[in-house]
Amino acid sequence: MAARLEGIEGDPFTQICIANVTIGMAAKAKKVPWTYTDVEGITSGVSPRPCDLLPDQGQKKITACDFPAEPLSINRVVLKTCTYRVNHM
């Protein structure tokens, strides 16, 4: 199995973007490499091809994964650094 994505029934996971991914499958792999429900989004340059819930935008639009439009809260986190000095005698 290449991937298994499960959203929440009635409140699907949205804005999923998978781009430039090639997954090698074992010779005895299941016939359905992708399993997902309650998800929405796009793909670009993905092999094996996912199902229609994540439609392919094509190789030329590989940069189409441009959401979220607004910065995420984690992008505004500023890490503080501190030092601790030990004197050895």
C-alpha atoms as a PDB file:
ATOM      1  CA  MET A   1       0.000   0.000   0.000  1.00  0.00           C
ATOM      2  CA  ALA A   2       1.377   3.397  -0.973  1.00  0.00           C
ATOM      3  CA  ALA A   3      -0.730   5.426   1.450  1.00  0.00           C
ATOM      4  CA  ARG A   4      -3.770   5.335   3.681  1.00  0.00           C
ATOM      5  CA  LEU A   5      -5.454   8.655   4.467  1.00  0.00           C
ATOM      6  CA  GLU A   6      -8.647   8.852   6.493  1.00  0.00           C
ATOM      7  CA  GLY A   7     -10.459  12.084   7.233  1.00  0.00           C
ATOM      8  CA  ILE A   8     -13.421  12.582   9.527  1.00  0.00           C
ATOM      9  CA  GLU A   9     -16.829  11.638   8.164  1.00  0.00           C
ATOM     10  CA  GLY A  10     -18.815  14.830   7.568  1.00  0.00           C
ATOM     11  CA  ASP A  11     -15.724  16.992   8.124  1.00  0.00           C
ATOM     12  CA  PRO A  12     -13.119  15.791   5.605  1.00  0.00           C
ATOM     13  CA  PHE A  13      -9.447  16.675   5.711  1.00  0.00           C
ATOM     14  CA  THR A  14      -9.048  19.305   2.994  1.00  0.00           C
ATOM     15  CA  GLN A  15      -6.276  21.031   1.073  1.00  0.00           C
ATOM     16  CA  ILE A  16      -4.147  17.887   0.945  1.00  0.00           C
ATOM     17  CA  CYS A  17      -1.410  18.252  -1.636  1.00  0.00           C
ATOM     18  CA  ILE A  18       0.919  15.483  -2.781  1.00  0.00           C
ATOM     19  CA  ALA A  19       3.503  16.412  -5.416  1.00  0.00           C
ATOM     20  CA  ASN A  20       6.498  14.825  -7.128  1.00  0.00           C
ATOM     21  CA  VAL A  21       6.121  11.414  -5.470  1.00  0.00           C
ATOM     22  CA  THR A  22       6.996   8.025  -6.937  1.00  0.00           C
ATOM     23  CA  ILE A  23       6.412   4.981  -4.770  1.00  0.00           C
ATOM     24  CA  GLY A  24       7.769   1.596  -5.790  1.00  0.00           C
ATOM     25  CA  MET A  25       5.413  -1.268  -5.113  1.00  0.00           C
ATOM     26  CA  ALA A  26       6.305  -4.852  -4.280  1.00  0.00           C
ATOM     27  CA  ALA A  27       5.577  -7.463  -6.930  1.00  0.00           C
ATOM     28  CA  LYS A  28       2.843  -8.962  -4.706  1.00  0.00           C
ATOM     29  CA  ALA A  29       1.388  -5.593  -3.691  1.00  0.00           C
ATOM     30  CA  LYS A  30      -2.348  -5.119  -3.362  1.00  0.00           C
ATOM     31  CA  LYS A  31      -4.097  -3.971  -6.497  1.00  0.00           C
ATOM     32  CA  VAL A  32      -5.277  -0.779  -4.757  1.00  0.00           C
ATOM     33  CA  PRO A  33      -2.130   1.130  -3.738  1.00  0.00           C
ATOM     34  CA  TRP A  34      -3.981   4.149  -2.285  1.00  0.00           C
ATOM     35  CA  THR A  35      -6.693   3.924   0.348  1.00  0.00           C
ATOM     36  CA  TYR A  36      -8.443   7.041   1.541  1.00  0.00           C
ATOM     37  CA  THR A  37     -11.804   8.388   2.593  1.00  0.00           C
ATOM     38  CA  ASP A  38     -13.130  11.804   3.550  1.00  0.00           C
ATOM     39  CA  VAL A  39     -10.216  13.744   2.044  1.00  0.00           C
ATOM     40  CA  GLU A  40      -9.999  16.497  -0.579  1.00  0.00           C
ATOM     41  CA  GLY A  41      -7.028  17.995  -2.358  1.00  0.00           C
ATOM     42  CA  ILE A  42      -4.779  17.758  -5.387  1.00  0.00           C
ATOM     43  CA  THR A  43      -1.798  15.820  -6.668  1.00  0.00           C
ATOM     44  CA  SER A  44       0.867  16.520  -9.245  1.00  0.00           C
ATOM     45  CA  GLY A  45       3.364  14.046 -10.638  1.00  0.00           C
ATOM     46  CA  VAL A  46       2.343  11.164  -8.343  1.00  0.00           C
ATOM     47  CA  SER A  47       2.888   7.494  -9.179  1.00  0.00           C
ATOM     48  CA  PRO A  48       1.061   5.208  -8.696  1.00  0.00           C
ATOM     49  CA  ARG A  49      -1.851   7.483  -9.529  1.00  0.00           C
ATOM     50  CA  PRO A  50      -4.219   8.202  -6.612  1.00  0.00           C
ATOM     51  CA  CYS A  51      -8.004   8.065  -6.956  1.00  0.00           C
ATOM     52  CA  ASP A  52     -10.309  10.886  -8.025  1.00  0.00           C
ATOM     53  CA  LEU A  53     -10.568  12.410  -4.521  1.00  0.00           C
ATOM     54  CA  LEU A  54      -7.081  13.809  -5.155  1.00  0.00           C
ATOM     55  CA  PRO A  55      -7.116  14.706  -8.883  1.00  0.00           C
ATOM     56  CA  ASP A  56      -3.861  15.038 -10.792  1.00  0.00           C
ATOM     57  CA  GLN A  57      -2.954  18.581 -11.853  1.00  0.00           C
ATOM     58  CA  GLY A  58      -0.290  17.370 -14.292  1.00  0.00           C
ATOM     59  CA  GLN A  59       3.514  17.569 -14.303  1.00  0.00           C
ATOM     60  CA  LYS A  60       3.558  21.163 -15.554  1.00  0.00           C
ATOM     61  CA  LYS A  61       1.675  22.322 -12.468  1.00  0.00           C
ATOM     62  CA  ILE A  62       3.965  20.620  -9.990  1.00  0.00           C
ATOM     63  CA  THR A  63       4.143  23.858  -7.985  1.00  0.00           C
ATOM     64  CA  ALA A  64       0.347  23.979  -7.747  1.00  0.00           C
ATOM     65  CA  CYS A  65       0.548  22.970  -4.089  1.00  0.00           C
ATOM     66  CA  ASP A  66       0.446  26.549  -2.954  1.00  0.00           C
ATOM     67  CA  PHE A  67      -1.995  26.436  -0.079  1.00  0.00           C
ATOM     68  CA  PRO A  68      -2.517  27.414   2.641  1.00  0.00           C
ATOM     69  CA  ALA A  69      -2.699  31.000   1.408  1.00  0.00           C
ATOM     70  CA  GLU A  70      -2.314  32.309   4.946  1.00  0.00           C
ATOM     71  CA  PRO A  71       0.821  31.493   6.967  1.00  0.00           C
ATOM     72  CA  LEU A  72       0.431  28.764   9.543  1.00  0.00           C
ATOM     73  CA  SER A  73       0.879  29.626  13.215  1.00  0.00           C
ATOM     74  CA  ILE A  74       3.938  27.373  13.394  1.00  0.00           C
ATOM     75  CA  ASN A  75       5.660  29.586  10.814  1.00  0.00           C
ATOM     76  CA  ARG A  76       5.632  32.476  13.283  1.00  0.00           C
ATOM     77  CA  VAL A  77       7.336  30.581  16.096  1.00  0.00           C
ATOM     78  CA  VAL A  78      10.668  32.102  17.081  1.00  0.00           C
ATOM     79  CA  LEU A  79      12.994  29.776  18.928  1.00  0.00           C
ATOM     80  CA  LYS A  80      15.014  31.207  21.755  1.00  0.00           C
ATOM     81  CA  THR A  81      18.530  30.026  22.377  1.00  0.00           C
ATOM     82  CA  CYS A  82      20.281  29.943  25.671  1.00  0.00           C
ATOM     83  CA  THR A  83      23.694  28.908  26.880  1.00  0.00           C
ATOM     84  CA  TYR A  84      24.913  27.311  30.024  1.00  0.00           C
ATOM     85  CA  ARG A  85      28.528  27.517  31.000  1.00  0.00           C
ATOM     86  CA  VAL A  86      30.234  25.065  33.344  1.00  0.00           C
ATOM     87  CA  ASN A  87      33.668  25.732  34.788  1.00  0.00           C
ATOM     88  CA  HIS A  88      35.688  22.583  35.367  1.00  0.00           C
ATOM     89  CA  MET A  89      38.469  22.807  37.897  1.00  0.00           C
END
